[in-house]
Protein backbone atom coordinates (compact mmCIF):
# COMPACT_ATOMS: atom_id res chain seq x y z
CA MET A 1 -23.56 4.80 -62.77
CA PRO A 2 -22.60 2.60 -65.76
CA LYS A 3 -22.90 4.11 -69.20
CA LEU A 4 -25.75 2.62 -71.20
CA SER A 5 -25.13 1.55 -74.76
CA LYS A 6 -27.26 3.22 -77.40
CA SER A 7 -27.24 0.13 -79.61
CA LEU A 8 -30.21 -2.19 -79.62
CA PRO A 9 -29.98 -5.91 -78.82
CA LYS A 10 -29.40 -7.90 -81.98
CA TYR A 11 -31.97 -10.00 -83.78
CA ARG A 12 -30.08 -13.31 -84.06
CA LYS A 13 -30.54 -16.86 -85.28
CA HIS A 14 -30.20 -19.83 -82.93
CA LYS A 15 -28.48 -22.36 -85.20
CA ALA A 16 -29.60 -25.50 -83.37
CA SER A 17 -33.32 -24.69 -83.49
CA GLY A 18 -33.59 -22.31 -86.44
CA GLN A 19 -35.38 -19.89 -84.13
CA ALA A 20 -34.89 -16.13 -84.01
CA ILE A 21 -33.74 -14.93 -80.59
CA VAL A 22 -32.93 -11.71 -78.80
CA ASN A 23 -31.02 -11.44 -75.54
CA LEU A 24 -32.58 -9.04 -73.07
CA GLY A 25 -31.24 -8.71 -69.56
CA GLY A 26 -28.99 -11.73 -70.00
CA LYS A 27 -31.81 -14.05 -71.06
CA ASP A 28 -32.54 -15.35 -74.56
CA HIS A 29 -36.09 -14.88 -75.78
CA TYR A 30 -37.35 -17.01 -78.67
CA LEU A 31 -39.30 -15.10 -81.30
CA GLY A 32 -40.38 -17.75 -83.80
CA PRO A 33 -38.76 -19.06 -87.01
CA HIS A 34 -35.82 -16.87 -88.03
CA GLY A 35 -36.39 -14.48 -90.90
CA THR A 36 -40.19 -14.52 -90.71
CA LYS A 37 -42.39 -11.46 -90.40
CA THR A 38 -43.90 -12.84 -87.20
CA SER A 39 -40.50 -13.10 -85.51
CA ARG A 40 -39.63 -9.54 -86.57
CA VAL A 41 -42.85 -8.20 -85.10
CA GLU A 42 -42.20 -10.08 -81.85
CA TYR A 43 -38.65 -8.68 -81.77
CA ASP A 44 -39.92 -5.11 -82.18
CA ARG A 45 -42.53 -5.62 -79.47
CA LEU A 46 -40.11 -7.09 -76.92
CA VAL A 47 -37.42 -4.48 -77.53
CA ALA A 48 -39.96 -1.65 -77.32
CA GLU A 49 -41.24 -3.03 -74.02
CA TRP A 50 -37.68 -3.42 -72.77
CA LEU A 51 -36.76 0.19 -73.67
CA THR A 52 -39.97 1.61 -72.20
CA ASN A 53 -39.25 -0.12 -68.89
CA GLY A 54 -35.75 1.34 -68.62
CA ARG A 55 -33.99 -1.48 -70.46
CA ARG A 56 -35.67 -4.05 -68.23
CA LEU A 57 -38.48 -6.44 -68.96
CA ALA A 58 -41.48 -6.16 -66.69
CA ASN A 59 -42.83 -9.28 -65.02
CA ARG A 60 -44.66 -11.12 -67.78
CA THR A 61 -45.95 -14.52 -68.73
CA ASP A 62 -43.74 -17.05 -70.48
CA GLU A 63 -45.56 -16.65 -73.78
CA THR A 64 -42.25 -16.35 -75.68
CA GLU A 65 -40.64 -19.41 -74.07
CA ILE A 66 -39.57 -22.13 -76.42
CA THR A 67 -42.17 -24.86 -76.74
CA VAL A 68 -41.68 -28.61 -76.66
CA VAL A 69 -42.27 -28.92 -80.40
CA GLU A 70 -39.53 -26.38 -81.08
CA VAL A 71 -37.10 -28.38 -78.95
CA LEU A 72 -38.13 -31.54 -80.80
CA ALA A 73 -37.60 -29.89 -84.19
CA ALA A 74 -34.12 -28.72 -83.20
CA PHE A 75 -33.13 -32.15 -81.87
CA TRP A 76 -34.49 -33.93 -84.95
CA LYS A 77 -32.29 -31.79 -87.17
CA PHE A 78 -29.30 -32.69 -85.00
CA ALA A 79 -30.14 -36.42 -84.82
CA GLN A 80 -30.31 -36.81 -88.59
CA GLY A 81 -26.72 -35.63 -88.88
CA TRP A 82 -25.37 -37.30 -85.74
CA TYR A 83 -26.73 -40.85 -85.90
CA VAL A 84 -25.01 -41.84 -89.14
CA LYS A 85 -22.69 -44.75 -89.85
CA ASN A 86 -20.91 -45.36 -93.14
CA GLY A 87 -22.92 -42.58 -94.72
CA GLU A 88 -26.27 -44.14 -93.81
CA PRO A 89 -28.70 -43.28 -90.98
CA THR A 90 -28.53 -45.75 -88.10
CA ASN A 91 -31.56 -47.37 -86.52
CA GLU A 92 -31.45 -44.69 -83.81
CA VAL A 93 -32.83 -42.14 -86.28
CA GLU A 94 -36.05 -44.11 -86.72
CA ALA A 95 -36.21 -44.85 -82.99
CA TYR A 96 -35.96 -41.16 -82.16
CA ARG A 97 -38.53 -40.31 -84.82
CA LEU A 98 -41.09 -42.47 -83.03
CA VAL A 99 -40.19 -41.05 -79.61
CA ILE A 100 -40.48 -37.50 -80.95
CA ARG A 101 -43.85 -38.33 -82.52
CA ASP A 102 -45.33 -39.44 -79.20
CA ILE A 103 -43.93 -36.49 -77.22
CA LYS A 104 -45.23 -34.06 -79.84
CA ARG A 105 -48.67 -35.65 -79.87
CA LEU A 106 -49.16 -35.11 -76.13
CA TYR A 107 -47.10 -32.03 -75.28
CA GLY A 108 -46.07 -30.33 -78.52
CA ASN A 109 -47.60 -26.94 -77.68
CA ALA A 110 -46.57 -26.88 -74.02
CA PRO A 111 -43.66 -24.71 -72.83
CA ALA A 112 -40.54 -26.87 -72.74
CA THR A 113 -39.81 -25.77 -69.18
CA GLU A 114 -43.06 -27.38 -68.05
CA PHE A 115 -42.14 -30.84 -69.36
CA GLY A 116 -41.46 -32.60 -66.07
CA PRO A 117 -41.65 -36.07 -64.51
CA ILE A 118 -45.46 -36.30 -64.79
CA ALA A 119 -45.33 -35.51 -68.51
CA PHE A 120 -42.48 -38.00 -68.89
CA LYS A 121 -44.54 -40.75 -67.24
CA ALA A 122 -47.56 -39.91 -69.42
CA VAL A 123 -45.49 -40.40 -72.58
CA ARG A 124 -44.01 -43.60 -71.15
CA GLN A 125 -47.51 -44.91 -70.49
CA VAL A 126 -48.28 -44.53 -74.20
CA TRP A 127 -45.47 -46.97 -74.95
CA ILE A 128 -46.67 -49.37 -72.27
CA ASP A 129 -50.26 -49.26 -73.54
CA ARG A 130 -48.95 -49.96 -77.04
CA GLY A 131 -47.62 -53.29 -75.77
CA GLN A 132 -43.92 -52.52 -75.92
CA ALA A 133 -41.65 -54.75 -73.85
CA ARG A 134 -40.10 -53.39 -70.67
CA SER A 135 -36.63 -53.22 -72.24
CA THR A 136 -37.99 -51.26 -75.21
CA VAL A 137 -39.86 -48.84 -72.95
CA ASN A 138 -36.69 -48.23 -70.94
CA LYS A 139 -34.66 -47.64 -74.10
CA ASN A 140 -37.18 -45.08 -75.31
CA ALA A 141 -37.18 -43.44 -71.88
CA GLY A 142 -33.42 -43.13 -72.15
CA ARG A 143 -33.79 -41.49 -75.55
CA LEU A 144 -36.27 -39.00 -74.12
CA LYS A 145 -33.83 -38.06 -71.35
CA ARG A 146 -30.95 -37.69 -73.83
CA LEU A 147 -33.12 -35.46 -76.00
CA PHE A 148 -33.72 -33.00 -73.18
CA LYS A 149 -30.09 -33.26 -72.04
CA TRP A 150 -29.04 -32.18 -75.53
CA ALA A 151 -31.47 -29.25 -75.33
CA VAL A 152 -29.80 -28.15 -72.09
CA GLY A 153 -26.40 -28.29 -73.80
CA GLU A 154 -27.72 -26.06 -76.57
CA GLU A 155 -29.13 -23.63 -73.99
CA LEU A 156 -32.65 -24.16 -75.26
CA ILE A 157 -33.93 -25.01 -71.79
CA PRO A 158 -32.58 -24.60 -68.24
CA PRO A 159 -30.68 -27.54 -66.64
CA SER A 160 -33.46 -28.00 -64.10
CA VAL A 161 -35.72 -29.54 -66.77
CA HIS A 162 -33.33 -32.41 -67.48
CA GLN A 163 -32.45 -32.83 -63.81
CA ALA A 164 -36.13 -33.32 -62.96
CA LEU A 165 -36.47 -36.02 -65.64
CA LEU A 166 -33.54 -37.92 -64.12
CA ALA A 167 -35.67 -38.46 -61.01
CA VAL A 168 -37.85 -40.91 -62.97
CA ASP A 169 -36.39 -44.40 -62.56
CA GLY A 170 -36.51 -47.03 -65.26
CA LEU A 171 -39.02 -49.87 -65.10
CA ARG A 172 -37.60 -52.76 -63.10
CA LYS A 173 -38.16 -56.42 -63.75
CA GLY A 174 -40.75 -57.86 -61.39
CA ARG A 175 -41.74 -54.41 -60.12
CA CYS A 176 -44.16 -53.43 -62.88
CA GLN A 177 -46.96 -54.89 -64.98
CA VAL A 178 -45.10 -54.55 -68.28
CA ARG A 179 -44.36 -57.57 -70.43
CA GLU A 180 -40.82 -58.88 -70.79
CA SER A 181 -39.29 -59.31 -74.23
CA ASP A 182 -39.02 -62.83 -75.57
CA PRO A 183 -35.47 -64.23 -75.62
CA ILE A 184 -33.89 -64.59 -79.05
CA MET A 185 -33.86 -68.28 -79.91
CA PRO A 186 -31.86 -70.12 -82.58
CA VAL A 187 -33.69 -70.74 -85.84
CA PRO A 188 -33.76 -74.38 -87.04
CA LEU A 189 -31.57 -74.90 -90.10
CA GLU A 190 -34.38 -76.65 -91.97
CA VAL A 191 -36.51 -73.51 -91.61
CA VAL A 192 -33.67 -71.39 -93.04
CA GLU A 193 -33.18 -73.79 -95.95
CA ALA A 194 -36.90 -73.72 -96.76
CA THR A 195 -36.80 -69.91 -96.90
CA LEU A 196 -33.76 -69.49 -99.18
CA PRO A 197 -35.40 -70.48 -102.52
CA HIS A 198 -37.84 -67.58 -102.16
CA LEU A 199 -35.13 -64.96 -101.81
CA PRO A 200 -32.96 -63.17 -104.37
CA ARG A 201 -29.47 -64.63 -104.62
CA VAL A 202 -27.90 -61.60 -102.93
CA THR A 203 -30.12 -61.88 -99.85
CA ALA A 204 -29.79 -65.67 -99.72
CA ASP A 205 -25.99 -65.34 -99.79
CA MET A 206 -26.15 -62.76 -97.00
CA ILE A 207 -27.96 -65.35 -94.89
CA ARG A 208 -25.50 -68.13 -95.78
CA PHE A 209 -22.54 -65.87 -95.02
CA GLN A 210 -24.00 -64.75 -91.71
CA LEU A 211 -24.80 -68.31 -90.69
CA LEU A 212 -21.23 -69.44 -91.41
CA THR A 213 -19.48 -66.51 -89.73
CA GLY A 214 -21.80 -65.53 -86.88
CA ALA A 215 -21.64 -61.90 -88.00
CA ARG A 216 -24.22 -59.39 -86.82
CA PRO A 217 -26.89 -58.43 -89.38
CA GLY A 218 -25.63 -54.84 -89.48
CA GLU A 219 -22.06 -56.03 -90.06
CA VAL A 220 -23.14 -58.05 -93.08
CA CYS A 221 -25.09 -55.09 -94.49
CA VAL A 222 -22.17 -52.63 -94.50
CA MET A 223 -19.27 -54.94 -95.40
CA THR A 224 -17.04 -53.66 -98.23
CA PRO A 225 -14.14 -55.28 -100.16
CA ALA A 226 -11.74 -52.82 -98.51
CA SER A 227 -12.63 -54.16 -95.06
CA ILE A 228 -11.71 -57.77 -95.99
CA HIS A 229 -8.10 -58.77 -95.25
CA ARG A 230 -7.12 -61.79 -97.36
CA ASP A 231 -3.45 -62.28 -96.44
CA GLU A 232 -3.97 -65.61 -94.65
CA ASP A 233 -5.93 -68.79 -95.29
CA VAL A 234 -8.64 -67.43 -92.98
CA TRP A 235 -9.83 -64.03 -94.16
CA GLU A 236 -10.60 -61.35 -91.63
CA TYR A 237 -13.35 -58.76 -91.86
CA ARG A 238 -12.25 -55.78 -89.74
CA VAL A 239 -15.52 -54.15 -88.83
CA ASP A 240 -15.50 -50.35 -88.89
CA GLY A 241 -18.02 -48.54 -86.70
CA HIS A 242 -19.27 -51.72 -85.01
CA LYS A 243 -21.70 -52.02 -82.12
CA THR A 244 -19.13 -51.90 -79.29
CA GLU A 245 -16.57 -49.59 -80.92
CA HIS A 246 -17.36 -46.76 -78.50
CA HIS A 247 -16.26 -49.07 -75.64
CA GLY A 248 -12.77 -49.31 -77.15
CA ARG A 249 -13.18 -52.88 -78.42
CA SER A 250 -12.16 -54.12 -81.84
CA ARG A 251 -14.31 -56.48 -83.85
CA THR A 252 -13.07 -59.07 -86.33
CA VAL A 253 -15.26 -61.51 -88.26
CA PHE A 254 -13.32 -64.63 -89.28
CA ILE A 255 -14.13 -65.96 -92.76
CA GLY A 256 -13.39 -69.62 -93.42
CA PRO A 257 -13.23 -71.45 -96.77
CA ASP A 258 -16.98 -72.03 -97.17
CA ALA A 259 -17.83 -68.40 -96.43
CA GLN A 260 -15.02 -67.30 -98.75
CA LEU A 261 -16.64 -69.14 -101.65
CA ILE A 262 -19.87 -67.22 -101.05
CA LEU A 263 -18.17 -63.86 -100.62
CA ALA A 264 -15.70 -64.08 -103.53
CA ARG A 265 -18.23 -63.11 -106.21
CA TYR A 266 -19.15 -59.96 -104.29
CA LEU A 267 -15.60 -58.61 -104.06
CA LEU A 268 -15.43 -57.65 -107.75
CA ARG A 269 -16.56 -54.07 -107.24
CA GLU A 270 -15.22 -50.75 -106.00
CA SER A 271 -13.38 -51.17 -102.72
CA ASP A 272 -15.70 -48.82 -100.84
CA GLU A 273 -18.97 -50.22 -102.22
CA VAL A 274 -20.99 -52.60 -100.08
CA CYS A 275 -20.55 -56.24 -101.01
CA PHE A 276 -24.26 -57.06 -100.82
CA SER A 277 -26.11 -54.47 -102.89
CA MET A 278 -29.76 -53.83 -102.18
CA ALA A 279 -30.31 -52.54 -105.72
CA GLU A 280 -29.04 -55.86 -107.11
CA ALA A 281 -31.30 -57.78 -104.74
CA VAL A 282 -34.37 -55.81 -105.87
CA GLU A 283 -33.59 -56.50 -109.53
CA GLN A 284 -33.09 -60.20 -108.79
CA ARG A 285 -36.39 -60.32 -106.92
CA ARG A 286 -38.20 -58.84 -109.90
CA ALA A 287 -36.59 -61.40 -112.20
CA LEU A 288 -37.52 -64.19 -109.77
CA LYS A 289 -41.16 -63.09 -109.69
CA ALA A 290 -41.24 -62.91 -113.49
CA SER A 291 -39.86 -66.45 -113.79
CA GLN A 292 -42.54 -67.77 -111.43
CA ARG A 293 -45.49 -66.42 -113.43
CA VAL A 294 -47.75 -69.19 -114.69
CA THR A 295 -50.00 -67.18 -117.01
CA PRO A 296 -48.47 -67.02 -120.51
CA PRO A 297 -47.23 -63.63 -121.78
CA SER A 298 -49.79 -63.73 -124.61
CA SER A 299 -52.55 -63.49 -122.00
CA GLY A 300 -51.42 -60.12 -120.74
CA ASN A 301 -48.88 -61.41 -118.27
CA ARG A 302 -45.73 -60.35 -120.07
CA ARG A 303 -42.87 -58.97 -118.00
CA GLY A 304 -43.38 -55.28 -117.40
CA LYS A 305 -47.19 -55.52 -117.32
CA ARG A 306 -48.20 -54.84 -113.73
CA SER A 307 -50.95 -56.52 -111.79
CA GLU A 308 -53.00 -54.66 -109.21
CA ALA A 309 -50.72 -56.03 -106.48
CA ASP A 310 -47.69 -54.85 -108.44
CA ARG A 311 -49.14 -51.36 -108.71
CA ARG A 312 -49.78 -51.26 -104.98
CA SER A 313 -46.12 -52.03 -104.33
CA MET A 314 -44.68 -49.69 -106.97
CA LYS A 315 -44.11 -46.88 -104.50
CA ARG A 316 -42.19 -49.14 -102.15
CA SER A 317 -40.23 -50.72 -105.01
CA ARG A 318 -39.10 -47.33 -106.29
CA LYS A 319 -37.90 -46.49 -102.80
CA LEU A 320 -36.01 -49.78 -102.52
CA ILE A 321 -34.34 -49.57 -105.91
CA SER A 322 -33.05 -46.09 -105.06
CA GLN A 323 -31.15 -47.55 -102.11
CA THR A 324 -27.87 -49.36 -102.56
CA THR A 325 -27.27 -50.50 -99.00
CA PHE A 326 -29.27 -52.89 -96.87
CA ASN A 327 -29.92 -51.95 -93.28
CA THR A 328 -31.05 -54.31 -90.55
CA GLY A 329 -34.68 -53.35 -91.14
CA SER A 330 -34.75 -53.98 -94.89
CA TYR A 331 -32.71 -57.17 -94.44
CA ALA A 332 -35.21 -58.49 -91.89
CA HIS A 333 -38.15 -57.41 -94.07
CA ALA A 334 -36.79 -59.40 -97.02
CA ILE A 335 -36.65 -62.51 -94.84
CA LYS A 336 -40.15 -61.89 -93.50
CA TYR A 337 -41.44 -61.54 -97.08
CA ALA A 338 -39.81 -64.85 -98.09
CA CYS A 339 -41.19 -66.62 -95.01
CA ALA A 340 -44.72 -65.58 -95.99
CA ILE A 341 -44.22 -67.34 -99.33
CA ALA A 342 -42.38 -70.37 -97.96
CA PHE A 343 -44.87 -70.94 -95.13
CA PRO A 344 -48.35 -69.80 -96.22
CA ALA A 345 -50.87 -69.79 -93.41
CA PRO A 346 -53.44 -72.64 -93.50
CA GLU A 347 -57.12 -72.06 -94.23
CA PRO A 348 -59.01 -70.08 -93.11
CA LEU A 349 -56.11 -68.01 -91.75
CA GLY A 350 -54.36 -67.47 -95.07
CA CYS A 351 -55.18 -64.94 -97.75
CA GLN A 352 -57.80 -66.12 -100.22
CA ALA A 353 -57.42 -65.69 -103.97
CA GLY A 354 -57.05 -62.00 -104.79
CA GLU A 355 -57.39 -60.98 -101.15
CA THR A 356 -55.08 -58.36 -99.67
CA ASN A 357 -53.62 -58.75 -96.21
CA ALA A 358 -55.76 -55.85 -94.94
CA ALA A 359 -58.90 -57.55 -96.27
CA ARG A 360 -57.87 -60.81 -94.64
CA MET A 361 -57.44 -59.14 -91.24
CA ARG A 362 -60.93 -57.62 -91.55
CA ARG A 363 -62.36 -61.05 -92.39
CA LEU A 364 -60.78 -62.93 -89.50
CA THR A 365 -62.48 -63.07 -86.12
CA GLY A 366 -60.67 -62.03 -82.96
CA SER A 367 -59.73 -65.58 -82.04
CA GLN A 368 -58.60 -66.30 -85.60
CA SER A 369 -56.38 -63.21 -85.57
CA GLU A 370 -54.72 -64.45 -82.40
CA GLU A 371 -54.34 -67.90 -83.94
CA LEU A 372 -52.71 -66.33 -87.01
CA LYS A 373 -50.24 -64.39 -84.86
CA ALA A 374 -49.28 -67.56 -83.00
CA TRP A 375 -48.85 -69.47 -86.26
CA GLN A 376 -46.73 -66.72 -87.80
CA LYS A 377 -44.52 -66.61 -84.72
CA GLN A 378 -43.65 -70.26 -85.32
CA HIS A 379 -43.01 -69.76 -89.04
CA ARG A 380 -41.16 -66.44 -89.12
CA TRP A 381 -37.58 -65.70 -88.19
CA HIS A 382 -35.19 -62.76 -88.29
CA PRO A 383 -31.43 -62.32 -88.93
CA ASN A 384 -30.41 -62.06 -85.26
CA GLN A 385 -31.51 -65.65 -84.77
CA LEU A 386 -28.79 -66.79 -87.18
CA ARG A 387 -26.12 -65.62 -84.71
CA HIS A 388 -27.74 -67.65 -81.97
CA THR A 389 -27.92 -70.70 -84.23
CA ARG A 390 -24.22 -70.35 -85.04
CA GLY A 391 -23.27 -69.60 -81.45
CA THR A 392 -25.09 -72.69 -80.18
CA GLU A 393 -23.30 -74.90 -82.71
CA ILE A 394 -19.83 -73.47 -81.96
CA ARG A 395 -20.34 -73.74 -78.21
CA LYS A 396 -21.20 -77.43 -78.55
CA GLN A 397 -18.16 -78.20 -80.73
CA PHE A 398 -15.48 -75.82 -79.45
CA GLY A 399 -16.61 -74.47 -76.07
CA ILE A 400 -17.92 -71.21 -74.73
CA GLU A 401 -14.69 -69.23 -75.28
CA ALA A 402 -14.68 -70.01 -78.99
CA ALA A 403 -18.32 -68.96 -79.30
CA GLN A 404 -17.50 -65.74 -77.46
CA VAL A 405 -14.70 -64.92 -79.91
CA ILE A 406 -16.68 -65.71 -83.06
CA LEU A 407 -19.73 -63.73 -81.94
CA GLY A 408 -17.68 -60.79 -80.71
CA HIS A 409 -18.83 -60.98 -77.10
CA ALA A 410 -16.45 -59.58 -74.49
CA ALA A 411 -16.35 -60.98 -70.96
CA ALA A 412 -15.63 -58.61 -68.10
CA ASP A 413 -12.19 -60.14 -67.39
CA VAL A 414 -10.91 -60.20 -70.99
CA THR A 415 -8.06 -57.76 -71.65
CA GLN A 416 -5.95 -56.82 -74.65
CA VAL A 417 -3.28 -59.27 -73.44
CA TYR A 418 -5.38 -62.13 -74.76
CA ALA A 419 -6.36 -60.52 -78.07
CA GLU A 420 -4.00 -62.57 -80.27
CA ARG A 421 -4.85 -65.81 -78.45
CA ASP A 422 -8.53 -65.15 -79.10
CA ALA A 423 -7.85 -64.29 -82.75
CA GLU A 424 -6.10 -67.62 -83.29
CA LYS A 425 -9.04 -69.42 -81.67
CA GLY A 426 -11.37 -67.64 -84.10
CA ARG A 427 -9.21 -68.63 -87.07
CA GLU A 428 -9.23 -72.26 -85.92
CA VAL A 429 -13.03 -72.37 -85.77
CA ALA A 430 -13.36 -70.65 -89.15
CA ARG A 431 -10.95 -73.12 -90.80
CA LYS A 432 -13.03 -76.06 -89.66
CA ILE A 433 -16.64 -74.91 -90.00
CA GLY A 434 -16.54 -71.43 -91.61
């Protein structure tokens, strides 16, 4: 008969979840947040029961099993440290936050081992009912599966939970009643030009640079002087941590003479600072708004005196000024803001004097709201459309291969053998129209 140890199982901390655990009979039991009185009491109770039953746990309910919300909390802590690029959170952090929110709302208190295919489909239906496109729903479904896969790797839940979720197929085109996403279309150059005067110089130059180079919005946001190689007549921006880096592909943005003129003024800074500073853009926007005031300073409209609208936006402004780096979301929001000024909605769809957007939406009828959405769709654009505008132009002038090189698209049959040939093609295009 094996000799029994006199020592008691240890009260331990599970680093991934922050939960207190104790291993009894080869199985971890979660006790609650580590270091709390509640978890200590639960530890004492479980160990006492285990000792009383001859160092075995009697058949019992799964009341101490980790819950879904505890798994979500552990993954959220991991995601905030994992999905980071150039010191900034990537868009995946926000995407996971929304996925976690919906899972928590429906199944937060349920045992994690009970989250199966039916629960998965119920959460997915929330996204469908919200009007998300099929591709977006499938991306979120993939995030949900990866979340539970991570939990298996951390031994928070048994592998069977994730394996069951894999049985749920993605939504297929033509096989479901879920809307398809609209294709990204080029934005007319005249629309871009009409928007630029209503933007700070930094943001306007980001747009001009992106339009000339075909760079991705995220690539423009994180560009630094150190990443620009200026040895030749065509500069090269060697993108670090780009979209397809994990596939083993390199990404170079070719910068021709026109784009160089725009970029030159933003290279006079520390080599590791971003070229296009969000803090500078916010200050320029404030100066632009001050210059556009029509009420004289003597009438209480001096710079620094805030209107009611200014006070409503103070919280957001403080948040923006504390950031130094644009991300794709803030870049797109700046363009959306400028479009609203450049293309005000016609009466009665537009905001009346002193009316907030929320008040306008309450005033409009259902049909007017739909009419406003349709009108805004025609008079709003986002940074990704600039790449399509540039790609369309390059394809017409230089052919599909040149457009592929400039935009950083990789065909299935392209190998490293052709890398230098493609680079020279990119330099040629940049010399002529970049």
